[in-house]
Amino acid sequence: MVHWLPSHVGVLGNEIADGLGNEGRSQLQPRKPLTPSDVRSVLRRGIAKLWSAAQLSNDDRFPHFYEAYKAGDFLQGLPKSDAVQIFRARAKHTLLLADLRRYGWSATTACRLCGEREETIEDDLSECREVAGDRPSGWPDKPVNKILWCGDRVAMSMAAKKMQKFLRRAMQ
């Protein structure tokens, strides 16, 4: 059992301190600039919330990562720039507008090149008519998800280079 003992009630110094504390709390608080350390802390907390929310919502990406890792296909053997691009695409953390919109960083999802569809990995790699000529000969006739997770290094490398080219054109 917890029992409150009024040990400082009526003590002059404590009463003055309580009064000043209440007065200060009711006033407008000064804003000080954020330090880089403060910004990192805020970002870390925000990312942790997003990550745990994605895990709790049974996001379909996480089982794919585990399966790819188990199968030994975790982007080994690809050039670093290609591996990074494929990993971002697998995690849906690209600079495509559909991914940016999910995080509230874009007002639209319309493709920046053709404007006809959502700017997604599927649009970038398979559907956007503005980059149809950029698709390499021998482009796999598979769903994009299969290309990203298939373990075929040639197809993944082609997809990575194509995404990089699409993003360079879209951001001009």
N, C-alpha and C. Protein backbone atom coordinates (compact mmCIF):
# COMPACT_ATOMS: atom_id res chain seq x y z
N MET A 1 0.85 -1.17 0.00
CA MET A 1 0.00 0.00 0.00
C MET A 1 0.90 1.23 0.00
N VAL A 2 0.55 2.21 -0.84
CA VAL A 2 1.30 3.46 -0.90
C VAL A 2 0.49 4.52 -0.18
N HIS A 3 1.18 5.27 0.67
CA HIS A 3 0.49 6.32 1.42
C HIS A 3 1.29 7.61 1.28
N TRP A 4 0.62 8.68 0.89
CA TRP A 4 1.29 9.97 0.70
C TRP A 4 1.48 10.64 2.05
N LEU A 5 2.70 11.04 2.30
CA LEU A 5 3.02 11.76 3.53
C LEU A 5 3.33 13.21 3.17
N PRO A 6 2.54 14.12 3.65
CA PRO A 6 2.74 15.53 3.30
C PRO A 6 3.92 16.14 4.06
N SER A 7 5.11 15.63 3.78
CA SER A 7 6.27 16.06 4.56
C SER A 7 6.78 17.45 4.21
N HIS A 8 6.54 17.91 2.96
CA HIS A 8 7.04 19.24 2.59
C HIS A 8 5.93 20.29 2.55
N VAL A 9 4.72 19.92 2.87
CA VAL A 9 3.63 20.89 2.86
C VAL A 9 3.84 21.87 4.00
N GLY A 10 3.74 23.12 3.67
CA GLY A 10 3.90 24.16 4.68
C GLY A 10 5.33 24.58 4.90
N VAL A 11 6.30 23.92 4.27
CA VAL A 11 7.70 24.32 4.38
C VAL A 11 7.89 25.47 3.41
N LEU A 12 8.31 26.64 3.93
CA LEU A 12 8.34 27.87 3.15
C LEU A 12 9.15 27.73 1.86
N GLY A 13 10.34 27.21 1.90
CA GLY A 13 11.17 27.07 0.69
C GLY A 13 10.52 26.18 -0.35
N ASN A 14 9.89 25.10 0.10
CA ASN A 14 9.23 24.19 -0.83
C ASN A 14 8.00 24.83 -1.45
N GLU A 15 7.24 25.57 -0.67
CA GLU A 15 6.04 26.24 -1.19
C GLU A 15 6.43 27.26 -2.26
N ILE A 16 7.52 28.00 -2.04
CA ILE A 16 7.99 28.97 -3.03
C ILE A 16 8.44 28.25 -4.30
N ALA A 17 9.19 27.16 -4.15
CA ALA A 17 9.65 26.39 -5.30
C ALA A 17 8.47 25.82 -6.09
N ASP A 18 7.46 25.29 -5.40
CA ASP A 18 6.28 24.77 -6.08
C ASP A 18 5.56 25.87 -6.84
N GLY A 19 5.42 27.03 -6.23
CA GLY A 19 4.75 28.16 -6.88
C GLY A 19 5.49 28.61 -8.13
N LEU A 20 6.82 28.72 -8.04
CA LEU A 20 7.62 29.12 -9.20
C LEU A 20 7.57 28.06 -10.30
N GLY A 21 7.57 26.80 -9.91
CA GLY A 21 7.47 25.72 -10.89
C GLY A 21 6.15 25.76 -11.64
N ASN A 22 5.05 25.94 -10.91
CA ASN A 22 3.73 26.04 -11.55
C ASN A 22 3.64 27.25 -12.45
N GLU A 23 4.21 28.37 -12.02
CA GLU A 23 4.19 29.59 -12.83
C GLU A 23 4.99 29.39 -14.12
N GLY A 24 6.15 28.80 -14.02
CA GLY A 24 6.98 28.55 -15.20
C GLY A 24 6.35 27.57 -16.17
N ARG A 25 5.67 26.57 -15.64
CA ARG A 25 5.02 25.58 -16.48
C ARG A 25 3.89 26.18 -17.31
N SER A 26 3.21 27.19 -16.76
CA SER A 26 2.07 27.79 -17.47
C SER A 26 2.51 28.82 -18.52
N GLN A 27 3.78 29.23 -18.51
CA GLN A 27 4.26 30.21 -19.48
C GLN A 27 4.73 29.53 -20.76
N LEU A 28 4.86 30.33 -21.82
CA LEU A 28 5.36 29.85 -23.10
C LEU A 28 6.82 29.41 -22.93
N GLN A 29 7.13 28.22 -23.39
CA GLN A 29 8.48 27.68 -23.23
C GLN A 29 9.37 28.13 -24.39
N PRO A 30 10.61 28.51 -24.11
CA PRO A 30 11.51 28.95 -25.18
C PRO A 30 11.88 27.77 -26.08
N ARG A 31 12.03 28.05 -27.39
CA ARG A 31 12.43 27.02 -28.35
C ARG A 31 13.92 27.17 -28.61
N LYS A 32 14.64 26.11 -28.45
CA LYS A 32 16.06 26.17 -28.77
C LYS A 32 16.29 25.34 -30.04
N PRO A 33 17.29 25.68 -30.83
CA PRO A 33 17.53 24.92 -32.06
C PRO A 33 17.93 23.48 -31.74
N LEU A 34 17.51 22.57 -32.63
CA LEU A 34 17.85 21.16 -32.45
C LEU A 34 19.30 20.92 -32.82
N THR A 35 19.96 20.13 -32.05
CA THR A 35 21.33 19.74 -32.37
C THR A 35 21.28 18.52 -33.29
N PRO A 36 22.36 18.22 -34.00
CA PRO A 36 22.37 17.01 -34.82
C PRO A 36 22.05 15.75 -34.01
N SER A 37 22.48 15.72 -32.78
CA SER A 37 22.19 14.57 -31.92
C SER A 37 20.69 14.45 -31.67
N ASP A 38 20.01 15.61 -31.44
CA ASP A 38 18.56 15.60 -31.24
C ASP A 38 17.85 15.09 -32.49
N VAL A 39 18.29 15.55 -33.66
CA VAL A 39 17.67 15.14 -34.92
C VAL A 39 17.83 13.64 -35.12
N ARG A 40 19.04 13.12 -34.86
CA ARG A 40 19.26 11.68 -34.99
C ARG A 40 18.35 10.89 -34.06
N SER A 41 18.18 11.37 -32.84
CA SER A 41 17.31 10.67 -31.88
C SER A 41 15.87 10.64 -32.36
N VAL A 42 15.39 11.77 -32.86
CA VAL A 42 14.01 11.85 -33.36
C VAL A 42 13.84 10.91 -34.56
N LEU A 43 14.80 10.93 -35.48
CA LEU A 43 14.72 10.05 -36.65
C LEU A 43 14.76 8.58 -36.24
N ARG A 44 15.65 8.24 -35.30
CA ARG A 44 15.74 6.85 -34.84
C ARG A 44 14.41 6.37 -34.27
N ARG A 45 13.79 7.22 -33.43
CA ARG A 45 12.50 6.84 -32.84
C ARG A 45 11.44 6.68 -33.93
N GLY A 46 11.42 7.60 -34.90
CA GLY A 46 10.44 7.52 -35.99
C GLY A 46 10.62 6.28 -36.83
N ILE A 47 11.87 5.96 -37.16
CA ILE A 47 12.15 4.77 -37.95
C ILE A 47 11.78 3.52 -37.17
N ALA A 48 12.07 3.51 -35.88
CA ALA A 48 11.72 2.35 -35.06
C ALA A 48 10.21 2.14 -35.04
N LYS A 49 9.44 3.25 -34.97
CA LYS A 49 7.98 3.13 -34.99
C LYS A 49 7.50 2.58 -36.33
N LEU A 50 8.06 3.09 -37.45
CA LEU A 50 7.67 2.59 -38.77
C LEU A 50 8.01 1.12 -38.91
N TRP A 51 9.19 0.73 -38.47
CA TRP A 51 9.63 -0.66 -38.59
C TRP A 51 8.71 -1.58 -37.80
N SER A 52 8.42 -1.21 -36.55
CA SER A 52 7.58 -2.09 -35.73
C SER A 52 6.15 -2.11 -36.28
N ALA A 53 5.67 -0.99 -36.82
CA ALA A 53 4.33 -0.96 -37.41
C ALA A 53 4.27 -1.88 -38.63
N ALA A 54 5.32 -1.87 -39.44
CA ALA A 54 5.35 -2.74 -40.62
C ALA A 54 5.38 -4.20 -40.21
N GLN A 55 6.14 -4.53 -39.17
CA GLN A 55 6.19 -5.92 -38.72
C GLN A 55 4.85 -6.35 -38.15
N LEU A 56 4.20 -5.47 -37.40
CA LEU A 56 2.94 -5.83 -36.77
C LEU A 56 1.81 -5.96 -37.78
N SER A 57 1.92 -5.28 -38.93
CA SER A 57 0.84 -5.35 -39.91
C SER A 57 1.01 -6.53 -40.86
N ASN A 58 1.87 -7.48 -40.49
CA ASN A 58 2.10 -8.68 -41.31
C ASN A 58 2.50 -8.32 -42.73
N ASP A 59 3.38 -7.37 -42.85
CA ASP A 59 3.87 -6.92 -44.14
C ASP A 59 4.43 -8.11 -44.91
N ASP A 60 4.13 -8.20 -46.20
CA ASP A 60 4.53 -9.36 -46.98
C ASP A 60 6.00 -9.36 -47.39
N ARG A 61 6.74 -8.29 -47.11
CA ARG A 61 8.14 -8.25 -47.52
C ARG A 61 9.03 -9.09 -46.62
N PHE A 62 8.75 -9.16 -45.34
CA PHE A 62 9.66 -9.79 -44.39
C PHE A 62 9.86 -11.28 -44.64
N PRO A 63 8.81 -12.06 -44.94
CA PRO A 63 9.06 -13.47 -45.25
C PRO A 63 9.96 -13.65 -46.47
N HIS A 64 9.83 -12.74 -47.47
CA HIS A 64 10.67 -12.84 -48.66
C HIS A 64 12.14 -12.67 -48.31
N PHE A 65 12.45 -11.72 -47.43
CA PHE A 65 13.84 -11.51 -47.04
C PHE A 65 14.40 -12.77 -46.39
N TYR A 66 13.61 -13.37 -45.52
CA TYR A 66 14.07 -14.56 -44.82
C TYR A 66 14.30 -15.70 -45.81
N GLU A 67 13.35 -15.89 -46.73
CA GLU A 67 13.49 -16.97 -47.72
C GLU A 67 14.70 -16.73 -48.61
N ALA A 68 14.91 -15.49 -49.04
CA ALA A 68 16.06 -15.17 -49.89
C ALA A 68 17.36 -15.44 -49.14
N TYR A 69 17.39 -15.07 -47.88
CA TYR A 69 18.59 -15.29 -47.07
C TYR A 69 18.85 -16.78 -46.90
N LYS A 70 17.79 -17.54 -46.61
CA LYS A 70 17.92 -18.99 -46.42
C LYS A 70 18.42 -19.67 -47.69
N ALA A 71 17.94 -19.20 -48.83
CA ALA A 71 18.31 -19.81 -50.10
C ALA A 71 19.72 -19.41 -50.54
N GLY A 72 20.35 -18.51 -49.82
CA GLY A 72 21.70 -18.10 -50.18
C GLY A 72 21.71 -16.98 -51.20
N ASP A 73 20.53 -16.47 -51.56
CA ASP A 73 20.45 -15.38 -52.52
C ASP A 73 20.23 -14.09 -51.76
N PHE A 74 21.27 -13.52 -51.28
CA PHE A 74 21.10 -12.22 -50.64
C PHE A 74 21.99 -11.23 -51.35
N LEU A 75 21.88 -11.22 -52.66
CA LEU A 75 22.51 -10.25 -53.54
C LEU A 75 24.02 -10.40 -53.64
N GLN A 76 24.55 -11.56 -53.23
CA GLN A 76 25.99 -11.76 -53.39
C GLN A 76 26.32 -11.83 -54.88
N GLY A 77 27.46 -11.32 -55.21
CA GLY A 77 27.90 -11.42 -56.59
C GLY A 77 27.47 -10.27 -57.48
N LEU A 78 26.56 -9.43 -57.02
CA LEU A 78 26.16 -8.26 -57.81
C LEU A 78 27.07 -7.09 -57.48
N PRO A 79 27.29 -6.18 -58.43
CA PRO A 79 28.00 -4.95 -58.07
C PRO A 79 27.24 -4.23 -56.96
N LYS A 80 27.96 -3.51 -56.12
CA LYS A 80 27.34 -2.90 -54.95
C LYS A 80 26.17 -1.99 -55.33
N SER A 81 26.32 -1.17 -56.37
CA SER A 81 25.23 -0.26 -56.75
C SER A 81 23.98 -1.03 -57.16
N ASP A 82 24.15 -2.15 -57.86
CA ASP A 82 23.00 -2.98 -58.25
C ASP A 82 22.37 -3.64 -57.03
N ALA A 83 23.21 -4.16 -56.14
CA ALA A 83 22.69 -4.82 -54.94
C ALA A 83 21.89 -3.85 -54.08
N VAL A 84 22.40 -2.63 -53.94
CA VAL A 84 21.68 -1.62 -53.15
C VAL A 84 20.34 -1.31 -53.79
N GLN A 85 20.32 -1.14 -55.11
CA GLN A 85 19.07 -0.82 -55.81
C GLN A 85 18.05 -1.95 -55.66
N ILE A 86 18.48 -3.19 -55.81
CA ILE A 86 17.57 -4.33 -55.67
C ILE A 86 17.07 -4.44 -54.23
N PHE A 87 17.97 -4.26 -53.27
CA PHE A 87 17.55 -4.33 -51.87
C PHE A 87 16.51 -3.25 -51.58
N ARG A 88 16.72 -2.04 -52.06
CA ARG A 88 15.74 -0.97 -51.86
C ARG A 88 14.41 -1.32 -52.51
N ALA A 89 14.47 -1.90 -53.70
CA ALA A 89 13.23 -2.28 -54.39
C ALA A 89 12.50 -3.38 -53.62
N ARG A 90 13.26 -4.35 -53.12
CA ARG A 90 12.64 -5.43 -52.34
C ARG A 90 11.98 -4.88 -51.08
N ALA A 91 12.61 -3.91 -50.46
CA ALA A 91 12.09 -3.35 -49.21
C ALA A 91 11.06 -2.24 -49.46
N LYS A 92 10.87 -1.89 -50.72
CA LYS A 92 9.96 -0.79 -51.11
C LYS A 92 10.39 0.52 -50.45
N HIS A 93 11.70 0.76 -50.51
CA HIS A 93 12.28 2.00 -50.00
C HIS A 93 13.03 2.68 -51.14
N THR A 94 12.37 2.83 -52.27
CA THR A 94 13.00 3.48 -53.42
C THR A 94 12.62 4.95 -53.44
N LEU A 95 13.11 5.66 -54.42
CA LEU A 95 12.73 7.06 -54.61
C LEU A 95 11.57 7.19 -55.58
N LEU A 96 10.87 6.09 -55.84
CA LEU A 96 9.67 6.14 -56.67
C LEU A 96 8.54 6.77 -55.88
N LEU A 97 7.67 7.52 -56.56
CA LEU A 97 6.66 8.31 -55.86
C LEU A 97 5.67 7.47 -55.05
N ALA A 98 5.35 6.27 -55.50
CA ALA A 98 4.43 5.43 -54.72
C ALA A 98 5.03 5.09 -53.36
N ASP A 99 6.34 4.82 -53.33
CA ASP A 99 7.00 4.53 -52.05
C ASP A 99 7.10 5.79 -51.20
N LEU A 100 7.44 6.92 -51.81
CA LEU A 100 7.56 8.17 -51.06
C LEU A 100 6.21 8.60 -50.51
N ARG A 101 5.14 8.36 -51.24
CA ARG A 101 3.79 8.74 -50.80
C ARG A 101 3.39 7.97 -49.53
N ARG A 102 3.81 6.70 -49.47
CA ARG A 102 3.49 5.88 -48.29
C ARG A 102 4.01 6.49 -47.01
N TYR A 103 5.12 7.19 -47.10
CA TYR A 103 5.72 7.81 -45.92
C TYR A 103 5.34 9.28 -45.78
N GLY A 104 4.43 9.76 -46.65
CA GLY A 104 3.98 11.14 -46.57
C GLY A 104 4.98 12.13 -47.15
N TRP A 105 5.90 11.66 -48.00
CA TRP A 105 6.93 12.54 -48.55
C TRP A 105 6.62 12.98 -49.97
N SER A 106 5.48 12.57 -50.51
CA SER A 106 5.07 12.98 -51.85
C SER A 106 3.56 13.16 -51.86
N ALA A 107 3.11 14.17 -52.58
CA ALA A 107 1.67 14.43 -52.66
C ALA A 107 1.00 13.58 -53.73
N THR A 108 1.76 13.07 -54.66
CA THR A 108 1.18 12.32 -55.77
C THR A 108 1.94 11.02 -55.98
N THR A 109 1.31 10.10 -56.70
CA THR A 109 1.99 8.86 -57.05
C THR A 109 2.08 8.70 -58.56
N ALA A 110 1.60 9.69 -59.32
CA ALA A 110 1.59 9.59 -60.78
C ALA A 110 3.02 9.54 -61.32
N CYS A 111 3.23 8.69 -62.31
CA CYS A 111 4.55 8.53 -62.92
C CYS A 111 5.05 9.87 -63.45
N ARG A 112 6.27 10.23 -63.10
CA ARG A 112 6.84 11.52 -63.52
C ARG A 112 7.16 11.55 -65.00
N LEU A 113 7.24 10.39 -65.65
CA LEU A 113 7.58 10.37 -67.07
C LEU A 113 6.34 10.28 -67.96
N CYS A 114 5.45 9.33 -67.68
CA CYS A 114 4.28 9.17 -68.56
C CYS A 114 3.01 9.76 -67.95
N GLY A 115 2.92 9.84 -66.63
CA GLY A 115 1.75 10.39 -65.97
C GLY A 115 0.52 9.50 -66.04
N GLU A 116 0.63 8.32 -66.63
CA GLU A 116 -0.53 7.46 -66.82
C GLU A 116 -0.80 6.52 -65.65
N ARG A 117 0.23 6.05 -65.03
CA ARG A 117 0.08 5.06 -63.96
C ARG A 117 0.76 5.56 -62.70
N GLU A 118 0.59 4.78 -61.62
CA GLU A 118 1.34 5.07 -60.40
C GLU A 118 2.81 4.78 -60.66
N GLU A 119 3.68 5.59 -60.07
CA GLU A 119 5.11 5.38 -60.23
C GLU A 119 5.55 4.32 -59.22
N THR A 120 5.47 3.07 -59.65
CA THR A 120 5.85 1.93 -58.82
C THR A 120 6.98 1.18 -59.52
N ILE A 121 7.49 0.17 -58.87
CA ILE A 121 8.53 -0.65 -59.49
C ILE A 121 7.98 -1.32 -60.74
N GLU A 122 6.73 -1.77 -60.69
CA GLU A 122 6.12 -2.41 -61.85
C GLU A 122 6.03 -1.44 -63.02
N ASP A 123 5.63 -0.18 -62.74
CA ASP A 123 5.53 0.83 -63.79
C ASP A 123 6.91 1.09 -64.37
N ASP A 124 7.87 1.28 -63.50
CA ASP A 124 9.24 1.59 -63.91
C ASP A 124 9.81 0.48 -64.79
N LEU A 125 9.69 -0.76 -64.37
CA LEU A 125 10.34 -1.85 -65.06
C LEU A 125 9.54 -2.43 -66.22
N SER A 126 8.22 -2.37 -66.18
CA SER A 126 7.44 -3.10 -67.18
C SER A 126 6.46 -2.27 -67.98
N GLU A 127 5.86 -1.25 -67.40
CA GLU A 127 4.70 -0.65 -68.04
C GLU A 127 4.89 0.75 -68.60
N CYS A 128 5.76 1.56 -68.04
CA CYS A 128 5.88 2.96 -68.47
C CYS A 128 6.29 3.03 -69.94
N ARG A 129 5.45 3.65 -70.77
CA ARG A 129 5.73 3.72 -72.21
C ARG A 129 6.92 4.62 -72.52
N GLU A 130 7.23 5.55 -71.63
CA GLU A 130 8.35 6.47 -71.86
C GLU A 130 9.70 5.78 -71.78
N VAL A 131 9.77 4.67 -71.10
CA VAL A 131 11.05 3.96 -70.99
C VAL A 131 10.99 2.59 -71.65
N ALA A 132 9.96 2.36 -72.47
CA ALA A 132 9.83 1.06 -73.13
C ALA A 132 11.06 0.75 -73.98
N GLY A 133 11.61 1.76 -74.65
CA GLY A 133 12.79 1.54 -75.48
C GLY A 133 14.05 1.27 -74.68
N ASP A 134 14.02 1.61 -73.40
CA ASP A 134 15.19 1.40 -72.55
C ASP A 134 15.29 -0.03 -72.02
N ARG A 135 14.23 -0.81 -72.19
CA ARG A 135 14.27 -2.17 -71.68
C ARG A 135 15.28 -2.97 -72.50
N PRO A 136 16.22 -3.59 -71.85
CA PRO A 136 17.27 -4.30 -72.59
C PRO A 136 16.72 -5.49 -73.34
N SER A 137 17.40 -5.85 -74.43
CA SER A 137 16.98 -7.06 -75.14
C SER A 137 17.22 -8.23 -74.20
N GLY A 138 16.35 -9.18 -74.25
CA GLY A 138 16.45 -10.30 -73.32
C GLY A 138 15.81 -9.99 -71.97
N TRP A 139 15.04 -8.89 -71.92
CA TRP A 139 14.35 -8.54 -70.67
C TRP A 139 13.41 -9.68 -70.31
N PRO A 140 13.48 -10.19 -69.09
CA PRO A 140 12.67 -11.35 -68.71
C PRO A 140 11.17 -11.05 -68.79
N ASP A 141 10.44 -12.01 -69.31
CA ASP A 141 8.99 -11.87 -69.38
C ASP A 141 8.40 -12.51 -68.12
N LYS A 142 8.69 -11.90 -66.98
CA LYS A 142 8.24 -12.40 -65.68
C LYS A 142 7.64 -11.24 -64.91
N PRO A 143 6.78 -11.52 -63.93
CA PRO A 143 6.33 -10.44 -63.05
C PRO A 143 7.54 -9.83 -62.33
N VAL A 144 7.46 -8.54 -62.08
CA VAL A 144 8.58 -7.82 -61.46
C VAL A 144 8.98 -8.45 -60.14
N ASN A 145 8.01 -8.86 -59.35
CA ASN A 145 8.32 -9.47 -58.06
C ASN A 145 9.21 -10.70 -58.23
N LYS A 146 8.96 -11.48 -59.28
CA LYS A 146 9.79 -12.67 -59.55
C LYS A 146 11.21 -12.27 -59.93
N ILE A 147 11.34 -11.15 -60.67
CA ILE A 147 12.68 -10.69 -61.06
C ILE A 147 13.47 -10.27 -59.82
N LEU A 148 12.80 -9.56 -58.91
CA LEU A 148 13.50 -9.05 -57.73
C LEU A 148 13.91 -10.15 -56.77
N TRP A 149 13.14 -11.23 -56.73
CA TRP A 149 13.38 -12.28 -55.73
C TRP A 149 13.87 -13.59 -56.34
N CYS A 150 14.06 -13.64 -57.65
CA CYS A 150 14.30 -14.93 -58.31
C CYS A 150 15.69 -15.50 -58.10
N GLY A 151 16.67 -14.66 -57.79
CA GLY A 151 18.02 -15.17 -57.63
C GLY A 151 18.79 -15.20 -58.93
N ASP A 152 18.15 -14.84 -60.05
CA ASP A 152 18.84 -14.75 -61.34
C ASP A 152 19.61 -13.43 -61.36
N ARG A 153 20.92 -13.52 -61.17
CA ARG A 153 21.73 -12.31 -61.04
C ARG A 153 21.70 -11.43 -62.29
N VAL A 154 21.62 -12.03 -63.45
CA VAL A 154 21.58 -11.24 -64.69
C VAL A 154 20.30 -10.41 -64.73
N ALA A 155 19.17 -11.05 -64.44
CA ALA A 155 17.89 -10.32 -64.46
C ALA A 155 17.86 -9.25 -63.38
N MET A 156 18.39 -9.58 -62.18
CA MET A 156 18.40 -8.58 -61.11
C MET A 156 19.31 -7.41 -61.46
N SER A 157 20.44 -7.69 -62.08
CA SER A 157 21.36 -6.62 -62.46
C SER A 157 20.71 -5.73 -63.53
N MET A 158 20.03 -6.34 -64.50
CA MET A 158 19.33 -5.54 -65.52
C MET A 158 18.25 -4.68 -64.87
N ALA A 159 17.51 -5.26 -63.93
CA ALA A 159 16.45 -4.50 -63.25
C ALA A 159 17.04 -3.33 -62.47
N ALA A 160 18.15 -3.56 -61.79
CA ALA A 160 18.78 -2.48 -61.01
C ALA A 160 19.23 -1.35 -61.91
N LYS A 161 19.88 -1.68 -63.01
CA LYS A 161 20.36 -0.65 -63.93
C LYS A 161 19.18 0.12 -64.53
N LYS A 162 18.10 -0.60 -64.83
CA LYS A 162 16.93 0.06 -65.40
C LYS A 162 16.28 1.00 -64.39
N MET A 163 16.20 0.57 -63.13
CA MET A 163 15.64 1.45 -62.09
C MET A 163 16.49 2.70 -61.92
N GLN A 164 17.81 2.52 -61.94
CA GLN A 164 18.70 3.68 -61.81
C GLN A 164 18.50 4.65 -62.96
N LYS A 165 18.38 4.12 -64.18
CA LYS A 165 18.17 4.97 -65.36
C LYS A 165 16.83 5.69 -65.28
N PHE A 166 15.79 4.96 -64.86
CA PHE A 166 14.45 5.56 -64.72
C PHE A 166 14.49 6.72 -63.73
N LEU A 167 15.11 6.49 -62.57
CA LEU A 167 15.16 7.53 -61.54
C LEU A 167 15.96 8.74 -62.00
N ARG A 168 17.06 8.50 -62.73
CA ARG A 168 17.83 9.65 -63.24
C ARG A 168 16.97 10.49 -64.18
N ARG A 169 16.23 9.83 -65.08
CA ARG A 169 15.37 10.58 -66.01
C ARG A 169 14.23 11.27 -65.27
N ALA A 170 13.64 10.59 -64.30
CA ALA A 170 12.48 11.14 -63.59
C ALA A 170 12.87 12.34 -62.73
N MET A 171 14.10 12.38 -62.28
CA MET A 171 14.52 13.46 -61.37
C MET A 171 15.17 14.64 -62.08
N GLN A 172 15.23 14.60 -63.40
CA GLN A 172 15.82 15.73 -64.13
C GLN A 172 14.91 16.93 -64.11
